[in-house]
Amino acid sequence: MRRIPATGAAIALAILLADQASKAWILHVFRLPERPPVRIAPLFDLVMVWNRGVSYGLFQQHEDFGRFALAGLSVLVSIGLAVWMARSRSWLIAVSAGLLIGGALGNAVDRFLYGAVADFVLLYWIPFFPYVFNLADSAIVAGVALLLYDSLVVEGRKRPAEPGVAGPDPGAGI
């Protein structure tokens, strides 16, 4: 049973390290902030965007208080998710929490180091809605998607049928 939270913790650590490694390479080796956008493939560019807000650049923070408040909130949420993950007996919850923790901490590290989150992947796959993101953002989206799947599909299968509602016929198929 201890393997479930340990798996989530390993995923969180892997996401955090991969996110920070990709950002270090983009910033200090490839030096994307010094370049114009770089076309990688159709509908896929590398472009440097410093996100001082939350998702989609909402609630921009230009003062240190806001920057550290957002970073601190990410750390607090990560602690809460870690407690939930430690108590979970579900692999899906552990994986989801691990993705969310790794992503949240990856972006929090950016806020502490740079004052903003380093976003650099630009996909044009949604017309009129270019979205610039990073590995941490991808992990957060995947973690939320898995939590929604768990809540809507997995938990739905566990609920008993409502009174007066016929369940599956155990004799069907005989």
Protein backbone atom coordinates (compact mmCIF):
# COMPACT_ATOMS: atom_id res chain seq x y z
CA MET A 1 0.00 0.00 0.00
CA ARG A 2 2.95 2.35 0.60
CA ARG A 3 3.91 2.01 -3.05
CA ILE A 4 0.94 4.11 -4.14
CA PRO A 5 2.06 7.39 -2.47
CA ALA A 6 5.69 6.62 -3.30
CA THR A 7 4.75 6.34 -6.97
CA GLY A 8 3.00 9.71 -6.82
CA ALA A 9 6.01 11.26 -5.10
CA ALA A 10 8.35 9.83 -7.76
CA ILE A 11 6.14 11.29 -10.49
CA ALA A 12 6.15 14.69 -8.75
CA LEU A 13 9.95 14.65 -8.49
CA ALA A 14 10.36 13.52 -12.11
CA ILE A 15 8.07 16.30 -13.37
CA LEU A 16 9.80 18.94 -11.23
CA LEU A 17 13.27 17.88 -12.44
CA ALA A 18 12.26 17.53 -16.11
CA ASP A 19 10.48 20.90 -16.02
CA GLN A 20 13.43 22.70 -14.48
CA ALA A 21 15.90 20.97 -16.82
CA SER A 22 13.87 21.99 -19.90
CA LYS A 23 13.67 25.58 -18.67
CA ALA A 24 17.39 25.71 -17.85
CA TRP A 25 18.20 24.48 -21.35
CA ILE A 26 15.79 26.92 -23.03
CA LEU A 27 17.06 29.88 -20.99
CA HIS A 28 20.78 29.23 -20.60
CA VAL A 29 21.84 26.95 -23.47
CA PHE A 30 19.42 27.67 -26.32
CA ARG A 31 19.03 31.28 -25.05
CA LEU A 32 15.47 31.65 -26.27
CA PRO A 33 14.95 35.06 -24.60
CA GLU A 34 17.58 36.48 -26.99
CA ARG A 35 15.95 35.04 -30.12
CA PRO A 36 12.87 35.70 -32.18
CA PRO A 37 10.28 32.89 -32.22
CA VAL A 38 11.73 29.64 -33.58
CA ARG A 39 9.55 27.47 -35.85
CA ILE A 40 9.96 23.80 -34.90
CA ALA A 41 7.15 22.33 -37.00
CA PRO A 42 3.91 23.51 -38.55
CA LEU A 43 1.71 24.80 -35.74
CA PHE A 44 4.58 24.56 -33.20
CA ASP A 45 7.00 27.36 -32.25
CA LEU A 46 9.34 28.11 -29.40
CA VAL A 47 8.72 31.63 -28.11
CA MET A 48 9.70 33.19 -24.78
CA VAL A 49 6.89 34.46 -22.57
CA TRP A 50 7.32 35.42 -18.94
CA ASN A 51 4.01 34.72 -17.20
CA ARG A 52 3.66 36.84 -14.07
CA GLY A 53 0.10 35.67 -13.48
CA VAL A 54 -1.68 32.36 -13.25
CA SER A 55 -3.16 30.31 -16.08
CA TYR A 56 -3.55 32.18 -19.35
CA GLY A 57 -1.75 35.17 -17.79
CA LEU A 58 -4.67 36.05 -15.52
CA PHE A 59 -4.02 38.10 -12.36
CA GLN A 60 -0.64 39.48 -13.44
CA GLN A 61 1.64 40.24 -10.48
CA HIS A 62 4.35 42.86 -11.00
CA GLU A 63 5.34 43.37 -7.37
CA ASP A 64 7.37 41.01 -5.19
CA PHE A 65 4.48 40.51 -2.79
CA GLY A 66 2.26 39.10 -5.56
CA ARG A 67 5.08 36.98 -6.95
CA PHE A 68 5.86 35.41 -3.59
CA ALA A 69 2.16 35.06 -2.74
CA LEU A 70 1.57 33.02 -5.93
CA ALA A 71 4.68 30.92 -5.26
CA GLY A 72 3.64 30.38 -1.64
CA LEU A 73 0.14 29.40 -2.70
CA SER A 74 1.64 26.82 -5.08
CA VAL A 75 3.69 25.37 -2.23
CA LEU A 76 0.69 25.26 0.13
CA VAL A 77 -1.49 23.57 -2.50
CA SER A 78 1.33 21.09 -3.13
CA ILE A 79 1.49 20.26 0.58
CA GLY A 80 -2.27 19.69 0.66
CA LEU A 81 -2.05 17.46 -2.43
CA ALA A 82 0.85 15.54 -0.86
CA VAL A 83 -1.24 14.83 2.25
CA TRP A 84 -4.13 13.67 0.06
CA MET A 85 -1.76 11.53 -1.98
CA ALA A 86 -0.22 9.98 1.16
CA ARG A 87 -3.67 8.94 2.37
CA SER A 88 -4.88 7.71 -1.00
CA ARG A 89 -5.32 4.06 -1.85
CA SER A 90 -5.89 4.85 -5.50
CA TRP A 91 -3.12 4.69 -8.10
CA LEU A 92 -5.03 7.17 -10.23
CA ILE A 93 -5.25 9.73 -7.42
CA ALA A 94 -1.54 9.26 -6.62
CA VAL A 95 -0.53 9.76 -10.26
CA SER A 96 -2.84 12.78 -10.60
CA ALA A 97 -1.55 14.37 -7.41
CA GLY A 98 2.05 13.66 -8.44
CA LEU A 99 1.51 15.44 -11.76
CA LEU A 100 -0.14 18.41 -10.03
CA ILE A 101 2.54 18.67 -7.33
CA GLY A 102 5.43 18.45 -9.80
CA GLY A 103 3.85 21.05 -12.06
CA ALA A 104 2.94 23.44 -9.26
CA LEU A 105 6.40 23.24 -7.70
CA GLY A 106 8.09 23.64 -11.10
CA ASN A 107 6.26 26.90 -11.68
CA ALA A 108 6.83 28.00 -8.06
CA VAL A 109 10.59 27.54 -8.51
CA ASP A 110 10.40 29.84 -11.56
CA ARG A 111 8.62 32.51 -9.53
CA PHE A 112 11.30 32.35 -6.83
CA LEU A 113 14.22 32.33 -9.32
CA TYR A 114 13.01 34.61 -12.10
CA GLY A 115 10.00 36.48 -10.76
CA ALA A 116 7.74 34.86 -13.37
CA VAL A 117 7.04 31.50 -14.96
CA ALA A 118 9.07 30.68 -18.08
CA ASP A 119 6.65 29.59 -20.82
CA PHE A 120 8.05 28.73 -24.24
CA VAL A 121 5.98 26.14 -26.14
CA LEU A 122 3.50 27.72 -28.55
CA LEU A 123 0.96 25.51 -30.29
CA TYR A 124 -1.44 26.89 -32.88
CA TRP A 125 -3.75 23.90 -32.86
CA ILE A 126 -6.67 25.93 -31.57
CA PRO A 127 -7.45 28.71 -34.08
CA PHE A 128 -7.32 32.22 -32.61
CA PHE A 129 -6.17 30.89 -29.26
CA PRO A 130 -2.41 30.50 -29.18
CA TYR A 131 -1.39 29.14 -25.81
CA VAL A 132 2.21 29.37 -24.60
CA PHE A 133 3.07 26.84 -21.89
CA ASN A 134 5.80 24.64 -20.39
CA LEU A 135 6.19 21.08 -19.10
CA ALA A 136 4.85 22.01 -15.65
CA ASP A 137 1.68 23.41 -17.21
CA SER A 138 1.25 20.20 -19.24
CA ALA A 139 1.58 18.10 -16.08
CA ILE A 140 -1.00 20.24 -14.29
CA VAL A 141 -3.49 19.87 -17.15
CA ALA A 142 -2.90 16.10 -17.27
CA GLY A 143 -3.33 15.85 -13.48
CA VAL A 144 -6.61 17.76 -13.57
CA ALA A 145 -7.85 15.62 -16.49
CA LEU A 146 -7.07 12.43 -14.56
CA LEU A 147 -8.84 13.76 -11.45
CA LEU A 148 -11.89 14.57 -13.56
CA TYR A 149 -11.78 11.09 -15.08
CA ASP A 150 -11.56 9.58 -11.60
CA SER A 151 -14.42 11.71 -10.32
CA LEU A 152 -16.76 11.34 -13.27
CA VAL A 153 -16.02 7.83 -14.54
CA VAL A 154 -14.25 5.73 -11.93
CA GLU A 155 -16.26 6.96 -8.93
CA GLY A 156 -19.46 6.78 -10.98
CA ARG A 157 -18.90 3.06 -11.46
CA LYS A 158 -18.52 2.57 -7.71
CA ARG A 159 -21.81 4.22 -6.75
CA PRO A 160 -24.70 1.89 -6.03
CA ALA A 161 -27.80 2.25 -8.15
CA GLU A 162 -30.38 4.68 -6.82
CA PRO A 163 -33.42 3.15 -5.14
CA GLY A 164 -36.08 2.39 -7.71
CA VAL A 165 -33.59 2.40 -10.57
CA ALA A 166 -32.98 -0.99 -12.08
CA GLY A 167 -29.36 -2.03 -12.28
CA PRO A 168 -27.84 -4.42 -14.77
CA ASP A 169 -29.67 -7.72 -15.13
CA PRO A 170 -27.36 -10.41 -13.69
CA GLY A 171 -29.05 -13.00 -15.88
CA ALA A 172 -28.49 -11.08 -19.10
CA GLY A 173 -26.33 -12.83 -21.61
CA ILE A 174 -27.24 -16.33 -20.39
